[in-house]
C-alpha atoms as a PDB file:
ATOM      1  CA  MET A   1     -13.799   9.671 -16.456  1.00  0.00           C
ATOM      2  CA  GLN A   2     -14.451   8.916 -19.828  1.00  0.00           C
ATOM      3  CA  GLU A   3     -12.491   8.275 -22.854  1.00  0.00           C
ATOM      4  CA  GLY A   4     -13.587   8.586 -26.156  1.00  0.00           C
ATOM      5  CA  THR A   5     -13.280   6.998 -29.858  1.00  0.00           C
ATOM      6  CA  ASP A   6     -11.061  10.250 -30.799  1.00  0.00           C
ATOM      7  CA  GLY A   7      -8.893   9.618 -27.451  1.00  0.00           C
ATOM      8  CA  LYS A   8     -10.251  12.685 -25.757  1.00  0.00           C
ATOM      9  CA  VAL A   9     -11.141  12.033 -21.730  1.00  0.00           C
ATOM     10  CA  THR A  10     -13.926  14.056 -20.009  1.00  0.00           C
ATOM     11  CA  LEU A  11     -13.198  14.226 -16.692  1.00  0.00           C
ATOM     12  CA  ASP A  12     -15.627  14.354 -13.773  1.00  0.00           C
ATOM     13  CA  THR A  13     -16.266  18.074 -12.955  1.00  0.00           C
ATOM     14  CA  ARG A  14     -18.965  17.321  -9.960  1.00  0.00           C
ATOM     15  CA  SER A  15     -16.735  15.096  -8.236  1.00  0.00           C
ATOM     16  CA  GLY A  16     -14.748  17.641  -5.790  1.00  0.00           C
ATOM     17  CA  ILE A  17     -11.488  16.114  -7.102  1.00  0.00           C
ATOM     18  CA  PRO A  18      -9.462  18.579  -8.856  1.00  0.00           C
ATOM     19  CA  LEU A  19      -8.892  18.107 -12.452  1.00  0.00           C
ATOM     20  CA  PHE A  20      -5.197  18.608 -12.188  1.00  0.00           C
ATOM     21  CA  HIS A  21      -5.364  15.352 -10.051  1.00  0.00           C
ATOM     22  CA  GLN A  22      -7.523  13.429 -11.985  1.00  0.00           C
ATOM     23  CA  VAL A  23      -5.199  13.711 -15.068  1.00  0.00           C
ATOM     24  CA  ALA A  24      -2.263  12.646 -12.852  1.00  0.00           C
ATOM     25  CA  VAL A  25      -4.049   9.828 -11.900  1.00  0.00           C
ATOM     26  CA  ILE A  26      -4.452   8.654 -15.773  1.00  0.00           C
ATOM     27  CA  LEU A  27      -1.246   9.345 -16.550  1.00  0.00           C
ATOM     28  CA  ARG A  28       0.196   7.666 -13.382  1.00  0.00           C
ATOM     29  CA  ASP A  29      -2.066   4.561 -14.420  1.00  0.00           C
ATOM     30  CA  GLN A  30      -0.543   4.633 -17.608  1.00  0.00           C
ATOM     31  CA  ILE A  31       2.981   4.486 -16.076  1.00  0.00           C
ATOM     32  CA  ALA A  32       2.325   1.999 -14.591  1.00  0.00           C
ATOM     33  CA  SER A  33       0.860  -0.178 -16.465  1.00  0.00           C
ATOM     34  CA  GLY A  34       3.769   0.201 -19.203  1.00  0.00           C
ATOM     35  CA  ILE A  35       1.420   2.150 -21.517  1.00  0.00           C
ATOM     36  CA  HIS A  36       4.314   4.927 -21.020  1.00  0.00           C
ATOM     37  CA  ALA A  37       7.735   3.303 -20.611  1.00  0.00           C
ATOM     38  CA  GLU A  38      10.932   4.566 -18.690  1.00  0.00           C
ATOM     39  CA  GLY A  39      12.376   7.269 -20.743  1.00  0.00           C
ATOM     40  CA  GLU A  40       9.372   8.205 -23.022  1.00  0.00           C
ATOM     41  CA  ARG A  41       8.053  11.467 -23.302  1.00  0.00           C
ATOM     42  CA  LEU A  42       4.912  12.040 -21.850  1.00  0.00           C
ATOM     43  CA  PRO A  43       2.394  14.332 -23.942  1.00  0.00           C
ATOM     44  CA  SER A  44       3.284  18.048 -23.885  1.00  0.00           C
ATOM     45  CA  GLU A  45       1.298  20.362 -21.458  1.00  0.00           C
ATOM     46  CA  ALA A  46      -0.356  21.561 -24.820  1.00  0.00           C
ATOM     47  CA  GLU A  47      -1.171  18.115 -25.976  1.00  0.00           C
ATOM     48  CA  ILE A  48      -2.722  17.686 -22.176  1.00  0.00           C
ATOM     49  CA  CYS A  49      -4.829  20.546 -22.773  1.00  0.00           C
ATOM     50  CA  GLU A  50      -6.287  18.966 -25.713  1.00  0.00           C
ATOM     51  CA  ARG A  51      -6.765  15.571 -24.890  1.00  0.00           C
ATOM     52  CA  PHE A  52      -8.511  16.502 -21.739  1.00  0.00           C
ATOM     53  CA  GLY A  53      -9.950  19.567 -22.208  1.00  0.00           C
ATOM     54  CA  VAL A  54      -8.160  21.561 -19.348  1.00  0.00           C
ATOM     55  CA  SER A  55      -6.098  24.746 -18.964  1.00  0.00           C
ATOM     56  CA  ARG A  56      -2.370  24.958 -19.630  1.00  0.00           C
ATOM     57  CA  ILE A  57      -2.715  25.761 -15.442  1.00  0.00           C
ATOM     58  CA  THR A  58      -4.194  22.231 -15.109  1.00  0.00           C
ATOM     59  CA  ALA A  59      -2.172  20.451 -17.522  1.00  0.00           C
ATOM     60  CA  LYS A  60       1.105  21.781 -15.529  1.00  0.00           C
ATOM     61  CA  ARG A  61      -0.460  21.237 -12.014  1.00  0.00           C
ATOM     62  CA  SER A  62      -0.732  17.271 -13.155  1.00  0.00           C
ATOM     63  CA  MET A  63       2.889  17.032 -14.405  1.00  0.00           C
ATOM     64  CA  ASP A  64       4.344  18.787 -11.505  1.00  0.00           C
ATOM     65  CA  GLU A  65       2.583  16.170  -9.319  1.00  0.00           C
ATOM     66  CA  LEU A  66       4.088  13.213 -11.031  1.00  0.00           C
ATOM     67  CA  ALA A  67       7.274  15.118 -10.684  1.00  0.00           C
ATOM     68  CA  ALA A  68       6.682  15.407  -6.776  1.00  0.00           C
ATOM     69  CA  GLU A  69       6.116  11.956  -6.655  1.00  0.00           C
ATOM     70  CA  GLY A  70       9.297  11.001  -8.879  1.00  0.00           C
ATOM     71  CA  LEU A  71       7.495   9.523 -11.503  1.00  0.00           C
ATOM     72  CA  VAL A  72       8.721  11.607 -14.246  1.00  0.00           C
ATOM     73  CA  THR A  73      11.460  14.210 -14.640  1.00  0.00           C
ATOM     74  CA  ARG A  74      10.927  17.635 -16.575  1.00  0.00           C
ATOM     75  CA  SER A  75      13.639  19.988 -18.377  1.00  0.00           C
ATOM     76  CA  ARG A  76      13.854  22.551 -20.790  1.00  0.00           C
ATOM     77  CA  GLY A  77      14.160  21.085 -23.981  1.00  0.00           C
ATOM     78  CA  ARG A  78      13.204  17.494 -23.466  1.00  0.00           C
ATOM     79  CA  GLY A  79       9.734  17.827 -21.905  1.00  0.00           C
ATOM     80  CA  THR A  80       8.623  15.187 -19.092  1.00  0.00           C
ATOM     81  CA  ILE A  81      10.094  11.921 -19.503  1.00  0.00           C
ATOM     82  CA  VAL A  82       8.897   8.786 -17.262  1.00  0.00           C
ATOM     83  CA  ALA A  83      11.862   8.285 -14.654  1.00  0.00           C
ATOM     84  CA  ARG A  84      13.810   5.176 -14.371  1.00  0.00           C
ATOM     85  CA  GLY A  85      12.219   2.551 -12.098  1.00  0.00           C
ATOM     86  CA  ALA A  86       8.523   4.692 -12.441  1.00  0.00           C
ATOM     87  CA  ALA A  87       6.875   1.537 -13.838  1.00  0.00           C
ATOM     88  CA  MET A  88       7.772  -0.444 -10.761  1.00  0.00           C
ATOM     89  CA  THR A  89       5.992  -4.177 -10.701  1.00  0.00           C
ATOM     90  CA  PRO A  90       3.451  -3.809  -7.795  1.00  0.00           C
ATOM     91  CA  PHE A  91       3.582  -6.164  -4.898  1.00  0.00           C
ATOM     92  CA  ALA A  92       1.869  -9.200  -5.672  1.00  0.00           C
ATOM     93  CA  VAL A  93       0.607 -11.498  -2.830  1.00  0.00           C
ATOM     94  CA  SER A  94      -1.762 -13.763  -2.186  1.00  0.00           C
ATOM     95  CA  VAL A  95      -4.883 -12.780   0.661  1.00  0.00           C
ATOM     96  CA  ASP A  96      -3.908 -16.736   2.654  1.00  0.00           C
ATOM     97  CA  GLY A  97       0.135 -16.426   2.481  1.00  0.00           C
ATOM     98  CA  TRP A  98       0.662 -13.489   4.445  1.00  0.00           C
ATOM     99  CA  ILE A  99       3.241 -15.152   6.777  1.00  0.00           C
ATOM    100  CA  GLU A 100       5.667 -16.865   4.065  1.00  0.00           C
ATOM    101  CA  ASN A 101       5.653 -12.993   2.806  1.00  0.00           C
ATOM    102  CA  ILE A 102       5.978 -11.677   6.493  1.00  0.00           C
ATOM    103  CA  SER A 103       9.776 -13.405   5.797  1.00  0.00           C
ATOM    104  CA  ARG A 104      10.567 -12.182   2.322  1.00  0.00           C
ATOM    105  CA  MET A 105       9.303  -8.323   3.492  1.00  0.00           C
ATOM    106  CA  GLY A 106      12.595  -8.119   5.118  1.00  0.00           C
ATOM    107  CA  GLN A 107      14.914  -8.994   2.456  1.00  0.00           C
ATOM    108  CA  LEU A 108      12.857  -6.542  -0.281  1.00  0.00           C
ATOM    109  CA  THR A 109      11.979  -3.650   1.618  1.00  0.00           C
ATOM    110  CA  THR A 110      13.359  -0.906   4.100  1.00  0.00           C
ATOM    111  CA  VAL A 111      11.657   0.168   6.758  1.00  0.00           C
ATOM    112  CA  GLU A 112      11.099   3.457   9.095  1.00  0.00           C
ATOM    113  CA  VAL A 113       9.701   3.380  12.675  1.00  0.00           C
ATOM    114  CA  LEU A 114       8.227   6.957  13.053  1.00  0.00           C
ATOM    115  CA  GLU A 115       6.609   6.663  16.552  1.00  0.00           C
ATOM    116  CA  PHE A 116       7.312   3.792  19.239  1.00  0.00           C
ATOM    117  CA  GLU A 117       5.648   3.853  22.260  1.00  0.00           C
ATOM    118  CA  TYR A 118       4.005   2.226  25.243  1.00  0.00           C
ATOM    119  CA  ARG A 119       0.331   4.131  26.082  1.00  0.00           C
ATOM    120  CA  ARG A 120      -3.096   3.006  26.938  1.00  0.00           C
ATOM    121  CA  ALA A 121      -4.687   1.001  24.029  1.00  0.00           C
ATOM    122  CA  SER A 122      -6.900   3.156  21.563  1.00  0.00           C
ATOM    123  CA  THR A 123     -10.696   2.407  21.752  1.00  0.00           C
ATOM    124  CA  THR A 124     -10.297   0.033  18.576  1.00  0.00           C
ATOM    125  CA  ALA A 125      -7.109  -2.017  19.411  1.00  0.00           C
ATOM    126  CA  ALA A 126      -8.646  -2.726  23.023  1.00  0.00           C
ATOM    127  CA  MET A 127     -11.604  -4.369  21.543  1.00  0.00           C
ATOM    128  CA  ALA A 128      -9.457  -5.834  18.964  1.00  0.00           C
ATOM    129  CA  LEU A 129      -7.264  -7.281  21.382  1.00  0.00           C
ATOM    130  CA  GLY A 130      -9.464  -7.989  23.756  1.00  0.00           C
ATOM    131  CA  LEU A 131      -8.095  -5.396  26.069  1.00  0.00           C
ATOM    132  CA  ALA A 132      -9.608  -4.112  29.433  1.00  0.00           C
ATOM    133  CA  GLU A 133     -10.319  -0.269  28.652  1.00  0.00           C
ATOM    134  CA  ASP A 134      -7.624   1.082  30.775  1.00  0.00           C
ATOM    135  CA  ALA A 135      -5.023  -1.479  29.453  1.00  0.00           C
ATOM    136  CA  GLU A 136      -1.374  -0.407  27.968  1.00  0.00           C
ATOM    137  CA  ALA A 137      -0.144  -1.730  24.619  1.00  0.00           C
ATOM    138  CA  GLN A 138       3.147  -1.030  22.612  1.00  0.00           C
ATOM    139  CA  ARG A 139       2.186   0.968  19.475  1.00  0.00           C
ATOM    140  CA  SER A 140       4.151   1.517  17.029  1.00  0.00           C
ATOM    141  CA  LEU A 141       4.082   3.589  13.558  1.00  0.00           C
ATOM    142  CA  ARG A 142       6.145   2.545  10.398  1.00  0.00           C
ATOM    143  CA  VAL A 143       6.450   3.327   6.694  1.00  0.00           C
ATOM    144  CA  ARG A 144       7.976   0.419   4.326  1.00  0.00           C
ATOM    145  CA  SER A 145       9.178   1.697   1.372  1.00  0.00           C
ATOM    146  CA  TYR A 146      10.501  -0.699  -1.902  1.00  0.00           C
ATOM    147  CA  LYS A 147      13.385   0.503  -3.961  1.00  0.00           C
ATOM    148  CA  GLY A 148      13.167   3.882  -2.031  1.00  0.00           C
ATOM    149  CA  THR A 149       9.418   4.342  -2.930  1.00  0.00           C
ATOM    150  CA  PRO A 150       7.110   4.108   0.145  1.00  0.00           C
ATOM    151  CA  LEU A 151       4.764   1.314  -0.112  1.00  0.00           C
ATOM    152  CA  SER A 152       2.813   1.027   3.061  1.00  0.00           C
ATOM    153  CA  TRP A 153       1.790   2.533   6.606  1.00  0.00           C
ATOM    154  CA  LEU A 154       1.501   0.490   8.967  1.00  0.00           C
ATOM    155  CA  GLU A 155       0.216   1.373  12.786  1.00  0.00           C
ATOM    156  CA  THR A 156       0.286  -1.906  15.115  1.00  0.00           C
ATOM    157  CA  TRP A 157      -0.569  -2.598  18.511  1.00  0.00           C
ATOM    158  CA  VAL A 158       0.381  -5.017  21.018  1.00  0.00           C
ATOM    159  CA  PRO A 159      -0.505  -6.556  24.382  1.00  0.00           C
ATOM    160  CA  ASP A 160       2.014  -4.704  26.832  1.00  0.00           C
ATOM    161  CA  ASP A 161       3.019  -7.729  28.354  1.00  0.00           C
ATOM    162  CA  ILE A 162       4.412  -9.092  25.047  1.00  0.00           C
ATOM    163  CA  GLY A 163       5.421  -5.517  23.617  1.00  0.00           C
ATOM    164  CA  ARG A 164       7.749  -5.399  26.096  1.00  0.00           C
ATOM    165  CA  SER A 165      10.163  -8.080  25.164  1.00  0.00           C
ATOM    166  CA  TYR A 166      11.295  -5.777  22.001  1.00  0.00           C
ATOM    167  CA  CYS A 167      12.653  -2.176  21.698  1.00  0.00           C
ATOM    168  CA  VAL A 168      12.710   0.067  18.777  1.00  0.00           C
ATOM    169  CA  ASP A 169      16.228  -1.355  17.286  1.00  0.00           C
ATOM    170  CA  ASP A 170      14.374  -4.350  16.662  1.00  0.00           C
ATOM    171  CA  MET A 171      11.448  -3.148  14.739  1.00  0.00           C
ATOM    172  CA  ARG A 172      14.145  -1.397  12.453  1.00  0.00           C
ATOM    173  CA  THR A 173      15.699  -4.493  11.607  1.00  0.00           C
ATOM    174  CA  LEU A 174      12.781  -7.649  11.676  1.00  0.00           C
ATOM    175  CA  PRO A 175       9.267  -7.978  10.789  1.00  0.00           C
ATOM    176  CA  LEU A 176       7.108  -7.701  13.531  1.00  0.00           C
ATOM    177  CA  LEU A 177       5.615 -11.030  13.580  1.00  0.00           C
ATOM    178  CA  HIS A 178       9.384 -12.725  14.020  1.00  0.00           C
ATOM    179  CA  LEU A 179       9.643 -10.381  17.353  1.00  0.00           C
ATOM    180  CA  LEU A 180       6.425 -12.074  18.498  1.00  0.00           C
ATOM    181  CA  GLU A 181       7.675 -15.679  17.842  1.00  0.00           C
ATOM    182  CA  ARG A 182      10.786 -14.700  19.498  1.00  0.00           C
ATOM    183  CA  ALA A 183       8.902 -13.915  22.572  1.00  0.00           C
ATOM    184  CA  GLY A 184       7.617 -17.198  22.581  1.00  0.00           C
ATOM    185  CA  VAL A 185       4.409 -16.499  21.094  1.00  0.00           C
ATOM    186  CA  ARG A 186       3.380 -18.891  18.707  1.00  0.00           C
ATOM    187  CA  VAL A 187       1.152 -17.962  15.863  1.00  0.00           C
ATOM    188  CA  ALA A 188      -1.338 -20.066  14.624  1.00  0.00           C
ATOM    189  CA  SER A 189      -4.174 -17.423  13.064  1.00  0.00           C
ATOM    190  CA  ALA A 190      -5.364 -14.542  11.548  1.00  0.00           C
ATOM    191  CA  GLN A 191      -8.334 -12.676  10.798  1.00  0.00           C
ATOM    192  CA  GLN A 192      -8.512 -10.231   7.951  1.00  0.00           C
ATOM    193  CA  THR A 193     -10.064  -7.322   6.508  1.00  0.00           C
ATOM    194  CA  ILE A 194      -9.412  -5.586   2.913  1.00  0.00           C
ATOM    195  CA  THR A 195     -11.351  -2.009   2.362  1.00  0.00           C
ATOM    196  CA  ALA A 196     -10.416   1.120   0.618  1.00  0.00           C
ATOM    197  CA  THR A 197      -9.946   4.596   2.387  1.00  0.00           C
ATOM    198  CA  LEU A 198      -8.214   8.201   1.528  1.00  0.00           C
ATOM    199  CA  ALA A 199      -5.515   9.394   2.613  1.00  0.00           C
ATOM    200  CA  THR A 200      -5.133  11.972   5.630  1.00  0.00           C
ATOM    201  CA  PRO A 201      -2.142  14.397   5.176  1.00  0.00           C
ATOM    202  CA  GLN A 202      -0.088  13.053   7.124  1.00  0.00           C
ATOM    203  CA  VAL A 203      -0.101   9.703   5.340  1.00  0.00           C
ATOM    204  CA  ALA A 204      -0.499  11.209   2.171  1.00  0.00           C
ATOM    205  CA  LYS A 205       3.164  13.192   3.255  1.00  0.00           C
ATOM    206  CA  ALA A 206       4.724   9.825   4.719  1.00  0.00           C
ATOM    207  CA  LEU A 207       3.575   7.932   1.453  1.00  0.00           C
ATOM    208  CA  ASN A 208       4.715  10.559  -1.251  1.00  0.00           C
ATOM    209  CA  VAL A 209       1.073  10.998  -2.355  1.00  0.00           C
ATOM    210  CA  GLN A 210      -1.813  13.723  -2.710  1.00  0.00           C
ATOM    211  CA  THR A 211      -4.223  14.209   0.142  1.00  0.00           C
ATOM    212  CA  GLY A 212      -7.500  12.274  -0.410  1.00  0.00           C
ATOM    213  CA  ALA A 213      -5.687   9.693  -2.801  1.00  0.00           C
ATOM    214  CA  ALA A 214      -7.220   5.958  -2.717  1.00  0.00           C
ATOM    215  CA  LEU A 215      -5.342   3.578  -0.330  1.00  0.00           C
ATOM    216  CA  LEU A 216      -5.925  -0.226   0.115  1.00  0.00           C
ATOM    217  CA  ASP A 217      -6.841  -0.127   3.937  1.00  0.00           C
ATOM    218  CA  VAL A 218      -6.003  -3.728   5.511  1.00  0.00           C
ATOM    219  CA  ARG A 219      -6.708  -4.548   8.897  1.00  0.00           C
ATOM    220  CA  ARG A 220      -5.745  -7.958  11.070  1.00  0.00           C
ATOM    221  CA  VAL A 221      -6.061  -9.477  14.332  1.00  0.00           C
ATOM    222  CA  VAL A 222      -3.299 -12.066  14.679  1.00  0.00           C
ATOM    223  CA  ARG A 223      -3.679 -14.837  17.208  1.00  0.00           C
ATOM    224  CA  ASP A 224      -1.414 -17.144  19.053  1.00  0.00           C
ATOM    225  CA  ASP A 225      -2.526 -21.157  19.375  1.00  0.00           C
ATOM    226  CA  SER A 226      -4.372 -20.315  22.614  1.00  0.00           C
ATOM    227  CA  GLY A 227      -6.562 -18.236  20.767  1.00  0.00           C
ATOM    228  CA  ARG A 228      -5.153 -14.830  22.270  1.00  0.00           C
ATOM    229  CA  ALA A 229      -5.038 -11.792  20.521  1.00  0.00           C
ATOM    230  CA  VAL A 230      -1.572 -10.952  20.205  1.00  0.00           C
ATOM    231  CA  GLU A 231      -1.230  -8.121  17.613  1.00  0.00           C
ATOM    232  CA  TYR A 232      -3.581  -5.767  15.828  1.00  0.00           C
ATOM    233  CA  ILE A 233      -2.255  -4.103  12.624  1.00  0.00           C
ATOM    234  CA  SER A 234      -3.789  -1.357  10.124  1.00  0.00           C
ATOM    235  CA  ILE A 235      -2.072  -1.288   7.063  1.00  0.00           C
ATOM    236  CA  LEU A 236      -2.432   1.553   4.424  1.00  0.00           C
ATOM    237  CA  TYR A 237      -1.082   0.491   0.847  1.00  0.00           C
ATOM    238  CA  ARG A 238      -0.274   2.651  -2.222  1.00  0.00           C
ATOM    239  CA  PRO A 239      -2.721   0.748  -4.428  1.00  0.00           C
ATOM    240  CA  ASP A 240      -0.141   1.150  -7.358  1.00  0.00           C
ATOM    241  CA  LEU A 241       2.561  -0.481  -5.830  1.00  0.00           C
ATOM    242  CA  TYR A 242       0.431  -3.424  -3.824  1.00  0.00           C
ATOM    243  CA  ARG A 243      -2.197  -5.893  -5.297  1.00  0.00           C
ATOM    244  CA  PHE A 244      -3.962  -8.947  -3.826  1.00  0.00           C
ATOM    245  CA  ALA A 245      -3.414 -12.172  -6.064  1.00  0.00           C
ATOM    246  CA  MET A 246      -5.116 -15.536  -5.993  1.00  0.00           C
ATOM    247  CA  ASN A 247      -4.972 -18.625  -8.148  1.00  0.00           C
ATOM    248  CA  LEU A 248      -8.578 -20.053  -8.440  1.00  0.00           C
ATOM    249  CA  THR A 249      -9.537 -24.064  -9.211  1.00  0.00           C
ATOM    250  CA  ARG A 250     -12.989 -24.941 -10.321  1.00  0.00           C
ATOM    251  CA  VAL A 251     -13.963 -27.951  -8.466  1.00  0.00           C
ATOM    252  CA  ASN A 252     -17.224 -30.122  -8.097  1.00  0.00           C
ATOM    253  CA  GLY A 253     -18.219 -30.844  -4.149  1.00  0.00           C
ATOM    254  CA  GLU A 254     -21.177 -32.779  -3.377  1.00  0.00           C
ATOM    255  CA  ASP A 255     -23.232 -29.231  -3.692  1.00  0.00           C
ATOM    256  CA  GLY A 256     -21.941 -28.413  -7.060  1.00  0.00           C
ATOM    257  CA  ALA A 257     -19.217 -26.929  -8.877  1.00  0.00           C
ATOM    258  CA  ARG A 258     -17.257 -24.320  -6.662  1.00  0.00           C
ATOM    259  CA  TRP A 259     -14.167 -21.949  -6.933  1.00  0.00           C
ATOM    260  CA  GLU A 260     -10.841 -22.822  -4.384  1.00  0.00           C
ATOM    261  CA  ALA A 261      -8.253 -20.361  -3.929  1.00  0.00           C
ATOM    262  CA  ASP A 262      -4.750 -21.593  -4.096  1.00  0.00           C
ATOM    263  CA  ASN A 263      -1.239 -19.687  -2.834  1.00  0.00           C
ATOM    264  CA  PRO A 264       0.221 -18.073  -6.207  1.00  0.00           C
ATOM    265  CA  PRO A 265       3.809 -18.747  -6.680  1.00  0.00           C
ATOM    266  CA  ILE A 266       6.317 -16.554  -4.512  1.00  0.00           C
ATOM    267  CA  SER A 267       9.335 -15.618  -6.382  1.00  0.00           C
ATOM    268  CA  PRO A 268      11.434 -12.909  -5.890  1.00  0.00           C
ATOM    269  CA  SER A 269      11.609 -12.379  -9.770  1.00  0.00           C
ATOM    270  CA  GLU A 270       7.691 -13.369 -10.088  1.00  0.00           C
ATOM    271  CA  THR A 271       5.882 -12.163  -7.290  1.00  0.00           C
ATOM    272  CA  PRO A 272       7.746  -9.848  -4.647  1.00  0.00           C
ATOM    273  CA  GLY A 273       6.036 -10.438  -1.277  1.00  0.00           C
ATOM    274  CA  SER A 274       4.892  -8.052   1.301  1.00  0.00           C
ATOM    275  CA  VAL A 275       3.208  -7.164   4.307  1.00  0.00           C
END
């Protein structure tokens, strides 16, 4: 997608991504960044057609997508208006400040437990947790929401002997890290990777996004003070509502100048934490 000096945008017709979705993504980003403020009227369908070079049907579908996500309201006479709360400030968290952010998660978000079961661990989970191929583990699927808007999809696996110490009601009220600590686990370290993925139909429905939408994919293996893996978690975040941040300081060392990362300030009014 490219924007010319005349304000017109050229969409990618060869990407396989529907044109209406490309238009919706651009408008969604503009709402998130504050270009279109709450209560402001978005361009009309005719103006969308002119700017993006698309049909009236495509323009309508792009607006309908934003309305389905609760970002805009549509009515005859008024047009398409940016909804209140549509331009929420994304969660900004440090890559290495995850323990502190977990504690604040329960205060700022709500959680819905979709699945809770004890079953044979998946191949990926068994490898991450160092379990035997036929070992059982506690598995859960959850969706966390911020101000009523779905933020993340979480799948967690915990070794059976630890997972039996809590129930589904516990997971509705307490972060999993706190449940591990309550069970006597002394969390000491974690290994984390951050990549990107696309939303499957199931995840897209839960997060209120389109199938194939881009998501942040965070995988983490948590270990106790003996080095045992006590949790494997996969989290899919909506990138419009979540971002990783860090402060970098330039320091001089024996091998020359380098960048060092510091945790950003964690304040409810500045950077709502989330994990």
